[in-house]
Structures are given as structure tokens and as C-alpha cells.
Amino acid sequence: MGYKGQDLARIGQWLTFYQLELYRLEIPNYASPYSVLLTSGRKGWRVVVFLRDGGVVNEDWDSGFLKRPFQVASTDSLVLVPRVGKNFGVTFTGCKAQDCGKVYGALLYLPWSHQYFEKDVSGTSVACSQTLLDPQNAAALRAIDAALQRQQASPPRYVPPACPGVGPTKP
């Protein structure tokens, strides 16, 4: 996959510098030359994408510490999606502590195009990244809704609520 011991050591130094614990590292073939990390620190979860370019591994994207609604999550909440249009995607889902059933959300990052999307649900209110309203981003909306369906699997036949101004997504 192109990553060598020195690349992993560099990632380890980055984690140490920012005082983060590594919970998951993904380097799938279809994502090359990217790697995806799920980390955590005193302020919560953080998703980081590294890029191996020109023989050097550097941080490509960092979600920063995720606030509400990503307080409650697990390592299974990080899912890489091989095909999101012409891209691959990094999804992460979570919910608000003590109110997981009503306050939850998903994020999607597309490394090749450097696009970020988020969809948050709070009761009957839905907030979506403005770019999710663009018909060109229909694949991203489907990917983020699929992430919400995985996260909310316990309610039978859960259907993610539509973004304001957009109809429900089709599988």
C-alpha cells in the first residue's frame, strides 16, 4: 500500500505531538496514497487523513475535535466507502451523550476532491452542509444517509430525514 515503517513512525510522532491516542488506522488499497486515522484526546474524537506524496507522509485533512453530535461513538463509527461518485469517502457518525436517539449526525470527507459534508439531526430539525443541496453531490448525500442508517440501525426501517430543500435519497 506504499506505507513503510518510517511513514508509520511519522504518523506516530504526529499523534505524540498532539497528545492523541490512535484507535483505528485504515490504509485500504482503493484509498492509496491516503491513510485514515480515528484518534481521541481529552476533547473527544478526531478524524485525520494522511497523504503519502513524494515519499513523505503529511497530514492532508483534520476534522479537529468533534463536538455535538459526535460525543458518543465507537471505532465502528468510522467507515471508509470505496465509491462515492469518482471518489472514496471517509464517514464518521455519532450522537449526543444521554440523547442518542434524538440528536445524532454524520460527516463525510472526500479526500481526492477535498470536500467535507455534514448532516445533523436534532429531534425534528435537520441541518445539512449547504453543498449537499447541489445535485452534483447526490452521491455524497447517499453516502452520508447510508452512514446515518448504519448508526441508527436499531429503529426498524429507519429512513434518514431529508435535508431542507432536498427530497429523500434513493439507495
N, C-alpha and C. Protein backbone atom coordinates (compact mmCIF):
# COMPACT_ATOMS: atom_id res chain seq x y z
N MET A 1 0.82 -1.20 0.00
CA MET A 1 0.00 0.00 0.00
C MET A 1 0.86 1.26 0.00
N GLY A 2 2.17 1.07 -0.08
CA GLY A 2 3.05 2.22 -0.18
C GLY A 2 3.53 2.78 1.14
N TYR A 3 2.93 2.39 2.26
CA TYR A 3 3.33 2.91 3.56
C TYR A 3 4.42 2.02 4.14
N LYS A 4 5.49 2.65 4.61
CA LYS A 4 6.62 1.92 5.18
C LYS A 4 6.72 2.24 6.67
N GLY A 5 7.66 1.57 7.32
CA GLY A 5 7.86 1.79 8.74
C GLY A 5 8.12 3.24 9.08
N GLN A 6 8.91 3.93 8.24
CA GLN A 6 9.22 5.35 8.52
C GLN A 6 7.95 6.21 8.40
N ASP A 7 7.02 5.82 7.51
CA ASP A 7 5.76 6.56 7.37
C ASP A 7 4.91 6.41 8.63
N LEU A 8 4.84 5.19 9.12
CA LEU A 8 4.07 4.94 10.33
C LEU A 8 4.72 5.61 11.53
N ALA A 9 6.05 5.66 11.56
CA ALA A 9 6.76 6.36 12.64
C ALA A 9 6.42 7.85 12.60
N ARG A 10 6.34 8.43 11.40
CA ARG A 10 5.98 9.85 11.26
C ARG A 10 4.55 10.11 11.77
N ILE A 11 3.65 9.21 11.45
CA ILE A 11 2.28 9.33 11.96
C ILE A 11 2.29 9.21 13.48
N GLY A 12 3.08 8.29 14.01
CA GLY A 12 3.21 8.14 15.47
C GLY A 12 3.74 9.41 16.13
N GLN A 13 4.71 10.06 15.50
CA GLN A 13 5.25 11.33 16.04
C GLN A 13 4.17 12.40 16.04
N TRP A 14 3.36 12.44 14.98
CA TRP A 14 2.27 13.42 14.89
C TRP A 14 1.29 13.19 16.03
N LEU A 15 0.92 11.93 16.28
CA LEU A 15 0.00 11.60 17.37
C LEU A 15 0.57 12.01 18.72
N THR A 16 1.85 11.73 18.92
CA THR A 16 2.50 12.09 20.18
C THR A 16 2.52 13.60 20.36
N PHE A 17 2.86 14.34 19.31
CA PHE A 17 2.92 15.80 19.39
C PHE A 17 1.58 16.39 19.82
N TYR A 18 0.49 15.86 19.27
CA TYR A 18 -0.85 16.38 19.58
C TYR A 18 -1.51 15.67 20.76
N GLN A 19 -0.78 14.78 21.41
CA GLN A 19 -1.25 14.04 22.58
C GLN A 19 -2.56 13.32 22.30
N LEU A 20 -2.55 12.55 21.21
CA LEU A 20 -3.73 11.80 20.78
C LEU A 20 -3.47 10.31 20.88
N GLU A 21 -4.52 9.57 21.15
CA GLU A 21 -4.44 8.11 21.13
C GLU A 21 -5.00 7.62 19.81
N LEU A 22 -4.35 6.65 19.22
CA LEU A 22 -4.81 6.06 17.97
C LEU A 22 -5.78 4.93 18.30
N TYR A 23 -7.00 5.02 17.74
CA TYR A 23 -7.98 3.98 17.94
C TYR A 23 -8.16 3.11 16.70
N ARG A 24 -7.87 3.70 15.54
CA ARG A 24 -8.02 2.93 14.31
C ARG A 24 -7.19 3.56 13.21
N LEU A 25 -6.55 2.71 12.39
CA LEU A 25 -5.77 3.15 11.24
C LEU A 25 -6.22 2.32 10.05
N GLU A 26 -6.61 2.99 8.97
CA GLU A 26 -7.07 2.32 7.75
C GLU A 26 -6.18 2.76 6.59
N ILE A 27 -5.67 1.78 5.84
CA ILE A 27 -4.88 2.06 4.63
C ILE A 27 -5.34 1.08 3.54
N PRO A 28 -6.58 1.22 3.06
CA PRO A 28 -7.05 0.28 2.04
C PRO A 28 -6.43 0.57 0.66
N ASN A 29 -6.32 -0.47 -0.16
CA ASN A 29 -5.74 -0.32 -1.50
C ASN A 29 -6.43 0.75 -2.33
N TYR A 30 -7.77 0.79 -2.28
CA TYR A 30 -8.50 1.75 -3.12
C TYR A 30 -8.29 3.20 -2.67
N ALA A 31 -7.75 3.41 -1.49
CA ALA A 31 -7.55 4.76 -0.98
C ALA A 31 -6.13 5.29 -1.21
N SER A 32 -5.25 4.44 -1.74
CA SER A 32 -3.86 4.83 -1.92
C SER A 32 -3.76 6.13 -2.73
N PRO A 33 -2.96 7.07 -2.30
CA PRO A 33 -1.92 7.07 -1.28
C PRO A 33 -2.36 7.65 0.08
N TYR A 34 -3.64 7.53 0.40
CA TYR A 34 -4.17 8.08 1.65
C TYR A 34 -4.23 7.02 2.74
N SER A 35 -4.18 7.50 3.98
CA SER A 35 -4.46 6.68 5.16
C SER A 35 -5.40 7.48 6.05
N VAL A 36 -6.21 6.77 6.81
CA VAL A 36 -7.22 7.42 7.65
C VAL A 36 -7.05 6.95 9.08
N LEU A 37 -7.06 7.91 10.00
CA LEU A 37 -6.90 7.61 11.42
C LEU A 37 -8.12 8.08 12.20
N LEU A 38 -8.52 7.28 13.17
CA LEU A 38 -9.51 7.70 14.16
C LEU A 38 -8.74 7.84 15.46
N THR A 39 -8.74 9.04 16.00
CA THR A 39 -7.98 9.33 17.21
C THR A 39 -8.90 9.94 18.26
N SER A 40 -8.38 10.03 19.46
CA SER A 40 -9.12 10.67 20.53
C SER A 40 -8.13 11.32 21.49
N GLY A 41 -8.58 12.39 22.07
CA GLY A 41 -7.80 13.10 23.07
C GLY A 41 -8.72 13.57 24.18
N ARG A 42 -8.25 14.47 24.99
CA ARG A 42 -9.06 14.95 26.12
C ARG A 42 -10.33 15.65 25.67
N LYS A 43 -10.37 16.14 24.45
CA LYS A 43 -11.52 16.90 23.98
C LYS A 43 -12.43 16.11 23.05
N GLY A 44 -12.18 14.81 22.86
CA GLY A 44 -13.09 13.99 22.07
C GLY A 44 -12.45 13.34 20.86
N TRP A 45 -13.31 12.89 19.97
CA TRP A 45 -12.90 12.19 18.75
C TRP A 45 -12.33 13.16 17.72
N ARG A 46 -11.48 12.60 16.88
CA ARG A 46 -10.86 13.38 15.81
C ARG A 46 -10.55 12.43 14.66
N VAL A 47 -10.92 12.80 13.44
CA VAL A 47 -10.64 12.01 12.25
C VAL A 47 -9.56 12.75 11.47
N VAL A 48 -8.51 12.01 11.08
CA VAL A 48 -7.38 12.63 10.39
C VAL A 48 -7.04 11.79 9.16
N VAL A 49 -6.78 12.50 8.05
CA VAL A 49 -6.39 11.83 6.81
C VAL A 49 -4.95 12.25 6.50
N PHE A 50 -4.11 11.24 6.24
CA PHE A 50 -2.73 11.49 5.85
C PHE A 50 -2.56 11.13 4.38
N LEU A 51 -1.62 11.82 3.72
CA LEU A 51 -1.32 11.59 2.31
C LEU A 51 0.16 11.31 2.17
N ARG A 52 0.47 10.20 1.50
CA ARG A 52 1.87 9.89 1.18
C ARG A 52 2.14 10.44 -0.21
N ASP A 53 2.93 11.48 -0.27
CA ASP A 53 3.18 12.17 -1.53
C ASP A 53 4.67 12.46 -1.65
N GLY A 54 5.27 12.02 -2.73
CA GLY A 54 6.70 12.28 -2.95
C GLY A 54 7.58 11.64 -1.91
N GLY A 55 7.16 10.51 -1.38
CA GLY A 55 7.97 9.80 -0.39
C GLY A 55 7.83 10.33 1.02
N VAL A 56 6.94 11.30 1.24
CA VAL A 56 6.75 11.88 2.57
C VAL A 56 5.28 11.78 2.96
N VAL A 57 5.02 11.46 4.22
CA VAL A 57 3.65 11.38 4.74
C VAL A 57 3.36 12.66 5.51
N ASN A 58 2.28 13.33 5.12
CA ASN A 58 1.86 14.56 5.80
C ASN A 58 0.36 14.54 6.03
N GLU A 59 -0.06 15.31 7.03
CA GLU A 59 -1.47 15.47 7.31
C GLU A 59 -2.12 16.16 6.11
N ASP A 60 -3.20 15.58 5.62
CA ASP A 60 -3.94 16.14 4.49
C ASP A 60 -5.21 16.84 4.96
N TRP A 61 -5.88 16.26 5.96
CA TRP A 61 -7.12 16.84 6.49
C TRP A 61 -7.28 16.40 7.94
N ASP A 62 -7.79 17.30 8.75
CA ASP A 62 -8.02 17.03 10.17
C ASP A 62 -9.37 17.59 10.54
N SER A 63 -10.25 16.75 11.05
CA SER A 63 -11.58 17.21 11.45
C SER A 63 -11.54 18.14 12.65
N GLY A 64 -10.43 18.14 13.37
CA GLY A 64 -10.41 18.84 14.66
C GLY A 64 -11.23 18.02 15.64
N PHE A 65 -11.29 18.45 16.88
CA PHE A 65 -12.08 17.71 17.86
C PHE A 65 -13.55 17.89 17.54
N LEU A 66 -14.25 16.77 17.43
CA LEU A 66 -15.65 16.79 17.03
C LEU A 66 -16.53 17.04 18.24
N LYS A 67 -17.39 18.00 18.12
CA LYS A 67 -18.32 18.37 19.20
C LYS A 67 -19.66 17.65 18.96
N ARG A 68 -20.69 18.18 19.56
CA ARG A 68 -22.04 17.66 19.37
C ARG A 68 -22.34 17.60 17.89
N PRO A 69 -22.87 16.58 17.32
CA PRO A 69 -23.43 15.39 17.94
C PRO A 69 -22.49 14.18 17.90
N PHE A 70 -21.20 14.39 17.99
CA PHE A 70 -20.25 13.28 17.86
C PHE A 70 -19.62 12.89 19.20
N GLN A 71 -20.29 13.17 20.31
CA GLN A 71 -19.74 12.85 21.62
C GLN A 71 -19.67 11.35 21.85
N VAL A 72 -20.71 10.64 21.45
CA VAL A 72 -20.78 9.20 21.66
C VAL A 72 -20.56 8.51 20.33
N ALA A 73 -19.51 7.72 20.24
CA ALA A 73 -19.18 6.99 19.02
C ALA A 73 -18.26 5.85 19.40
N SER A 74 -17.96 5.01 18.43
CA SER A 74 -17.03 3.91 18.66
C SER A 74 -16.13 3.79 17.43
N THR A 75 -15.19 2.88 17.50
CA THR A 75 -14.31 2.69 16.35
C THR A 75 -15.09 2.23 15.13
N ASP A 76 -16.22 1.55 15.35
CA ASP A 76 -17.07 1.12 14.24
C ASP A 76 -17.79 2.29 13.57
N SER A 77 -17.76 3.45 14.18
CA SER A 77 -18.41 4.64 13.62
C SER A 77 -17.62 5.22 12.45
N LEU A 78 -16.37 4.82 12.31
CA LEU A 78 -15.53 5.25 11.19
C LEU A 78 -15.65 4.20 10.09
N VAL A 79 -16.17 4.61 8.93
CA VAL A 79 -16.34 3.69 7.81
C VAL A 79 -15.80 4.36 6.56
N LEU A 80 -14.95 3.63 5.85
CA LEU A 80 -14.47 4.11 4.55
C LEU A 80 -15.37 3.52 3.47
N VAL A 81 -15.79 4.37 2.56
CA VAL A 81 -16.70 3.98 1.49
C VAL A 81 -15.91 3.98 0.19
N PRO A 82 -15.73 2.81 -0.45
CA PRO A 82 -14.88 2.73 -1.64
C PRO A 82 -15.32 3.61 -2.80
N ARG A 83 -16.61 3.78 -2.99
CA ARG A 83 -17.08 4.56 -4.14
C ARG A 83 -18.11 5.59 -3.72
N VAL A 84 -17.73 6.84 -3.86
CA VAL A 84 -18.66 7.95 -3.69
C VAL A 84 -18.47 8.80 -4.94
N GLY A 85 -19.26 8.50 -5.96
CA GLY A 85 -19.02 9.12 -7.26
C GLY A 85 -17.69 8.62 -7.78
N LYS A 86 -16.78 9.53 -8.12
CA LYS A 86 -15.44 9.16 -8.62
C LYS A 86 -14.41 9.20 -7.50
N ASN A 87 -14.84 9.19 -6.27
CA ASN A 87 -14.01 9.40 -5.11
C ASN A 87 -14.16 8.22 -4.16
N PHE A 88 -13.43 8.21 -3.08
CA PHE A 88 -13.74 7.35 -1.95
C PHE A 88 -14.04 8.27 -0.79
N GLY A 89 -14.79 7.79 0.17
CA GLY A 89 -15.20 8.66 1.26
C GLY A 89 -14.84 8.12 2.62
N VAL A 90 -14.71 9.04 3.56
CA VAL A 90 -14.47 8.74 4.95
C VAL A 90 -15.70 9.22 5.71
N THR A 91 -16.44 8.29 6.32
CA THR A 91 -17.62 8.69 7.09
C THR A 91 -17.38 8.42 8.57
N PHE A 92 -18.01 9.24 9.38
CA PHE A 92 -17.97 9.07 10.83
C PHE A 92 -19.32 9.50 11.37
N THR A 93 -19.87 8.72 12.28
CA THR A 93 -21.16 9.04 12.87
C THR A 93 -21.05 9.08 14.38
N GLY A 94 -21.98 9.77 14.99
CA GLY A 94 -22.01 9.84 16.44
C GLY A 94 -23.31 10.44 16.91
N CYS A 95 -23.42 10.55 18.22
CA CYS A 95 -24.64 11.12 18.79
C CYS A 95 -24.29 11.88 20.08
N LYS A 96 -25.27 12.59 20.56
CA LYS A 96 -25.10 13.38 21.78
C LYS A 96 -25.23 12.47 23.00
N ALA A 97 -24.36 12.65 23.96
CA ALA A 97 -24.43 11.87 25.19
C ALA A 97 -25.80 12.06 25.83
N GLN A 98 -26.38 11.02 26.35
CA GLN A 98 -27.67 10.96 27.01
C GLN A 98 -28.86 11.27 26.09
N ASP A 99 -28.65 11.43 24.77
CA ASP A 99 -29.78 11.69 23.88
C ASP A 99 -29.49 11.14 22.48
N CYS A 100 -28.93 9.92 22.43
CA CYS A 100 -28.51 9.33 21.16
C CYS A 100 -29.65 9.14 20.17
N GLY A 101 -30.82 8.83 20.64
CA GLY A 101 -31.94 8.57 19.75
C GLY A 101 -32.47 9.79 19.04
N LYS A 102 -32.22 10.98 19.60
CA LYS A 102 -32.80 12.19 19.02
C LYS A 102 -31.78 13.17 18.46
N VAL A 103 -30.54 13.12 18.93
CA VAL A 103 -29.52 14.07 18.47
C VAL A 103 -28.31 13.26 17.97
N TYR A 104 -28.15 13.22 16.64
CA TYR A 104 -27.10 12.42 16.04
C TYR A 104 -26.69 13.04 14.71
N GLY A 105 -25.59 12.56 14.16
CA GLY A 105 -25.14 13.13 12.90
C GLY A 105 -24.07 12.27 12.23
N ALA A 106 -23.74 12.71 11.02
CA ALA A 106 -22.71 12.02 10.22
C ALA A 106 -21.91 13.06 9.47
N LEU A 107 -20.63 12.74 9.28
CA LEU A 107 -19.79 13.58 8.43
C LEU A 107 -19.23 12.72 7.33
N LEU A 108 -18.86 13.37 6.24
CA LEU A 108 -18.26 12.70 5.10
C LEU A 108 -17.16 13.60 4.57
N TYR A 109 -15.99 13.01 4.39
CA TYR A 109 -14.88 13.73 3.77
C TYR A 109 -14.45 12.95 2.53
N LEU A 110 -14.29 13.66 1.41
CA LEU A 110 -13.83 13.06 0.15
C LEU A 110 -12.41 13.55 -0.11
N PRO A 111 -11.40 12.72 0.19
CA PRO A 111 -10.00 13.16 0.08
C PRO A 111 -9.58 13.63 -1.29
N TRP A 112 -9.97 12.94 -2.35
CA TRP A 112 -9.48 13.32 -3.68
C TRP A 112 -9.96 14.68 -4.13
N SER A 113 -11.15 15.07 -3.69
CA SER A 113 -11.68 16.39 -4.08
C SER A 113 -11.65 17.39 -2.92
N HIS A 114 -11.22 16.95 -1.75
CA HIS A 114 -11.13 17.80 -0.55
C HIS A 114 -12.48 18.43 -0.19
N GLN A 115 -13.56 17.65 -0.30
CA GLN A 115 -14.89 18.13 0.05
C GLN A 115 -15.31 17.56 1.40
N TYR A 116 -15.98 18.38 2.19
CA TYR A 116 -16.46 17.99 3.51
C TYR A 116 -17.96 18.24 3.56
N PHE A 117 -18.70 17.26 4.11
CA PHE A 117 -20.15 17.37 4.25
C PHE A 117 -20.53 16.93 5.66
N GLU A 118 -21.63 17.50 6.14
CA GLU A 118 -22.13 17.08 7.44
C GLU A 118 -23.65 17.17 7.45
N LYS A 119 -24.27 16.22 8.16
CA LYS A 119 -25.72 16.21 8.33
C LYS A 119 -25.99 15.90 9.79
N ASP A 120 -26.72 16.80 10.45
CA ASP A 120 -27.04 16.64 11.86
C ASP A 120 -28.55 16.62 12.05
N VAL A 121 -29.01 15.73 12.92
CA VAL A 121 -30.43 15.61 13.23
C VAL A 121 -30.59 15.90 14.71
N SER A 122 -31.55 16.77 15.04
CA SER A 122 -31.87 17.09 16.42
C SER A 122 -33.39 17.09 16.54
N GLY A 123 -33.94 15.97 16.97
CA GLY A 123 -35.40 15.83 17.03
C GLY A 123 -35.97 15.86 15.62
N THR A 124 -36.79 16.88 15.35
CA THR A 124 -37.37 17.01 14.00
C THR A 124 -36.60 18.01 13.15
N SER A 125 -35.56 18.59 13.69
CA SER A 125 -34.74 19.57 12.96
C SER A 125 -33.57 18.87 12.28
N VAL A 126 -33.33 19.23 11.02
CA VAL A 126 -32.23 18.65 10.26
C VAL A 126 -31.37 19.78 9.71
N ALA A 127 -30.06 19.68 9.93
CA ALA A 127 -29.11 20.67 9.40
C ALA A 127 -28.15 19.94 8.48
N CYS A 128 -27.97 20.48 7.28
CA CYS A 128 -27.09 19.86 6.29
C CYS A 128 -26.11 20.89 5.75
N SER A 129 -24.93 20.41 5.39
CA SER A 129 -23.99 21.27 4.68
C SER A 129 -24.70 21.81 3.44
N GLN A 130 -24.53 23.08 3.16
CA GLN A 130 -25.17 23.70 2.01
C GLN A 130 -24.82 22.97 0.71
N THR A 131 -23.61 22.45 0.62
CA THR A 131 -23.17 21.78 -0.60
C THR A 131 -23.90 20.46 -0.84
N LEU A 132 -24.55 19.89 0.18
CA LEU A 132 -25.34 18.68 -0.02
C LEU A 132 -26.59 18.96 -0.84
N LEU A 133 -26.99 20.23 -0.94
CA LEU A 133 -28.18 20.59 -1.71
C LEU A 133 -27.91 20.60 -3.21
N ASP A 134 -26.64 20.60 -3.60
CA ASP A 134 -26.25 20.63 -5.01
C ASP A 134 -26.48 19.24 -5.62
N PRO A 135 -27.25 19.14 -6.71
CA PRO A 135 -27.49 17.83 -7.33
C PRO A 135 -26.21 17.11 -7.74
N GLN A 136 -25.13 17.83 -7.99
CA GLN A 136 -23.86 17.19 -8.33
C GLN A 136 -23.29 16.39 -7.16
N ASN A 137 -23.78 16.66 -5.96
CA ASN A 137 -23.29 15.96 -4.77
C ASN A 137 -24.28 14.88 -4.30
N ALA A 138 -25.10 14.37 -5.22
CA ALA A 138 -26.08 13.34 -4.86
C ALA A 138 -25.41 12.09 -4.29
N ALA A 139 -24.25 11.70 -4.83
CA ALA A 139 -23.53 10.53 -4.31
C ALA A 139 -23.07 10.77 -2.87
N ALA A 140 -22.65 11.99 -2.58
CA ALA A 140 -22.23 12.33 -1.22
C ALA A 140 -23.43 12.26 -0.27
N LEU A 141 -24.57 12.76 -0.70
CA LEU A 141 -25.77 12.71 0.13
C LEU A 141 -26.19 11.26 0.39
N ARG A 142 -26.11 10.40 -0.62
CA ARG A 142 -26.42 8.98 -0.43
C ARG A 142 -25.45 8.33 0.57
N ALA A 143 -24.17 8.68 0.46
CA ALA A 143 -23.16 8.11 1.37
C ALA A 143 -23.39 8.56 2.80
N ILE A 144 -23.74 9.82 2.99
CA ILE A 144 -23.96 10.33 4.35
C ILE A 144 -25.25 9.75 4.93
N ASP A 145 -26.27 9.56 4.10
CA ASP A 145 -27.50 8.94 4.57
C ASP A 145 -27.28 7.46 4.90
N ALA A 146 -26.44 6.77 4.12
CA ALA A 146 -26.10 5.38 4.43
C ALA A 146 -25.37 5.29 5.77
N ALA A 147 -24.51 6.27 6.06
CA ALA A 147 -23.82 6.31 7.35
C ALA A 147 -24.82 6.50 8.48
N LEU A 148 -25.80 7.37 8.29
CA LEU A 148 -26.83 7.57 9.31
C LEU A 148 -27.66 6.29 9.50
N GLN A 149 -27.95 5.59 8.42
CA GLN A 149 -28.70 4.34 8.53
C GLN A 149 -27.91 3.30 9.33
N ARG A 150 -26.60 3.22 9.11
CA ARG A 150 -25.77 2.30 9.91
C ARG A 150 -25.80 2.69 11.38
N GLN A 151 -25.72 3.99 11.64
CA GLN A 151 -25.67 4.48 13.01
C GLN A 151 -27.00 4.25 13.73
N GLN A 152 -28.10 4.42 13.03
CA GLN A 152 -29.43 4.29 13.62
C GLN A 152 -30.07 2.94 13.28
N ALA A 153 -29.29 1.89 13.24
CA ALA A 153 -29.78 0.58 12.81
C ALA A 153 -30.84 -0.02 13.73
N SER A 154 -30.86 0.38 14.99
CA SER A 154 -31.81 -0.25 15.92
C SER A 154 -33.27 0.09 15.62
N PRO A 155 -33.63 1.32 15.24
CA PRO A 155 -35.04 1.54 14.88
C PRO A 155 -35.35 0.80 13.57
N PRO A 156 -36.39 -0.04 13.57
CA PRO A 156 -36.69 -0.78 12.34
C PRO A 156 -37.04 0.16 11.18
N ARG A 157 -36.51 -0.17 10.01
CA ARG A 157 -36.78 0.58 8.78
C ARG A 157 -36.51 2.08 8.93
N TYR A 158 -35.43 2.42 9.61
CA TYR A 158 -35.06 3.83 9.77
C TYR A 158 -34.76 4.45 8.41
N VAL A 159 -35.30 5.63 8.16
CA VAL A 159 -35.04 6.38 6.95
C VAL A 159 -34.48 7.74 7.38
N PRO A 160 -33.28 8.10 6.95
CA PRO A 160 -32.73 9.39 7.34
C PRO A 160 -33.63 10.53 6.88
N PRO A 161 -33.86 11.51 7.73
CA PRO A 161 -34.68 12.64 7.31
C PRO A 161 -33.98 13.42 6.20
N ALA A 162 -34.76 13.99 5.33
CA ALA A 162 -34.22 14.73 4.19
C ALA A 162 -33.63 16.06 4.65
N CYS A 163 -32.63 16.52 3.91
CA CYS A 163 -32.10 17.87 4.13
C CYS A 163 -33.18 18.86 3.71
N PRO A 164 -33.28 20.00 4.37
CA PRO A 164 -34.25 21.00 3.94
C PRO A 164 -33.98 21.38 2.47
N GLY A 165 -34.99 21.27 1.65
CA GLY A 165 -34.85 21.62 0.24
C GLY A 165 -34.45 20.48 -0.66
N VAL A 166 -34.27 19.26 -0.08
CA VAL A 166 -33.87 18.10 -0.88
C VAL A 166 -34.82 16.95 -0.53
N GLY A 167 -35.26 16.21 -1.54
CA GLY A 167 -36.10 15.05 -1.29
C GLY A 167 -35.29 13.92 -0.70
N PRO A 168 -35.97 12.86 -0.23
CA PRO A 168 -35.25 11.71 0.34
C PRO A 168 -34.32 11.10 -0.71
N THR A 169 -33.20 10.53 -0.23
CA THR A 169 -32.25 9.91 -1.15
C THR A 169 -32.70 8.52 -1.49
N LYS A 170 -32.31 8.07 -2.66
CA LYS A 170 -32.60 6.70 -3.09
C LYS A 170 -31.35 5.86 -2.90
N PRO A 171 -31.50 4.61 -2.46
CA PRO A 171 -30.32 3.77 -2.23
C PRO A 171 -29.51 3.53 -3.48
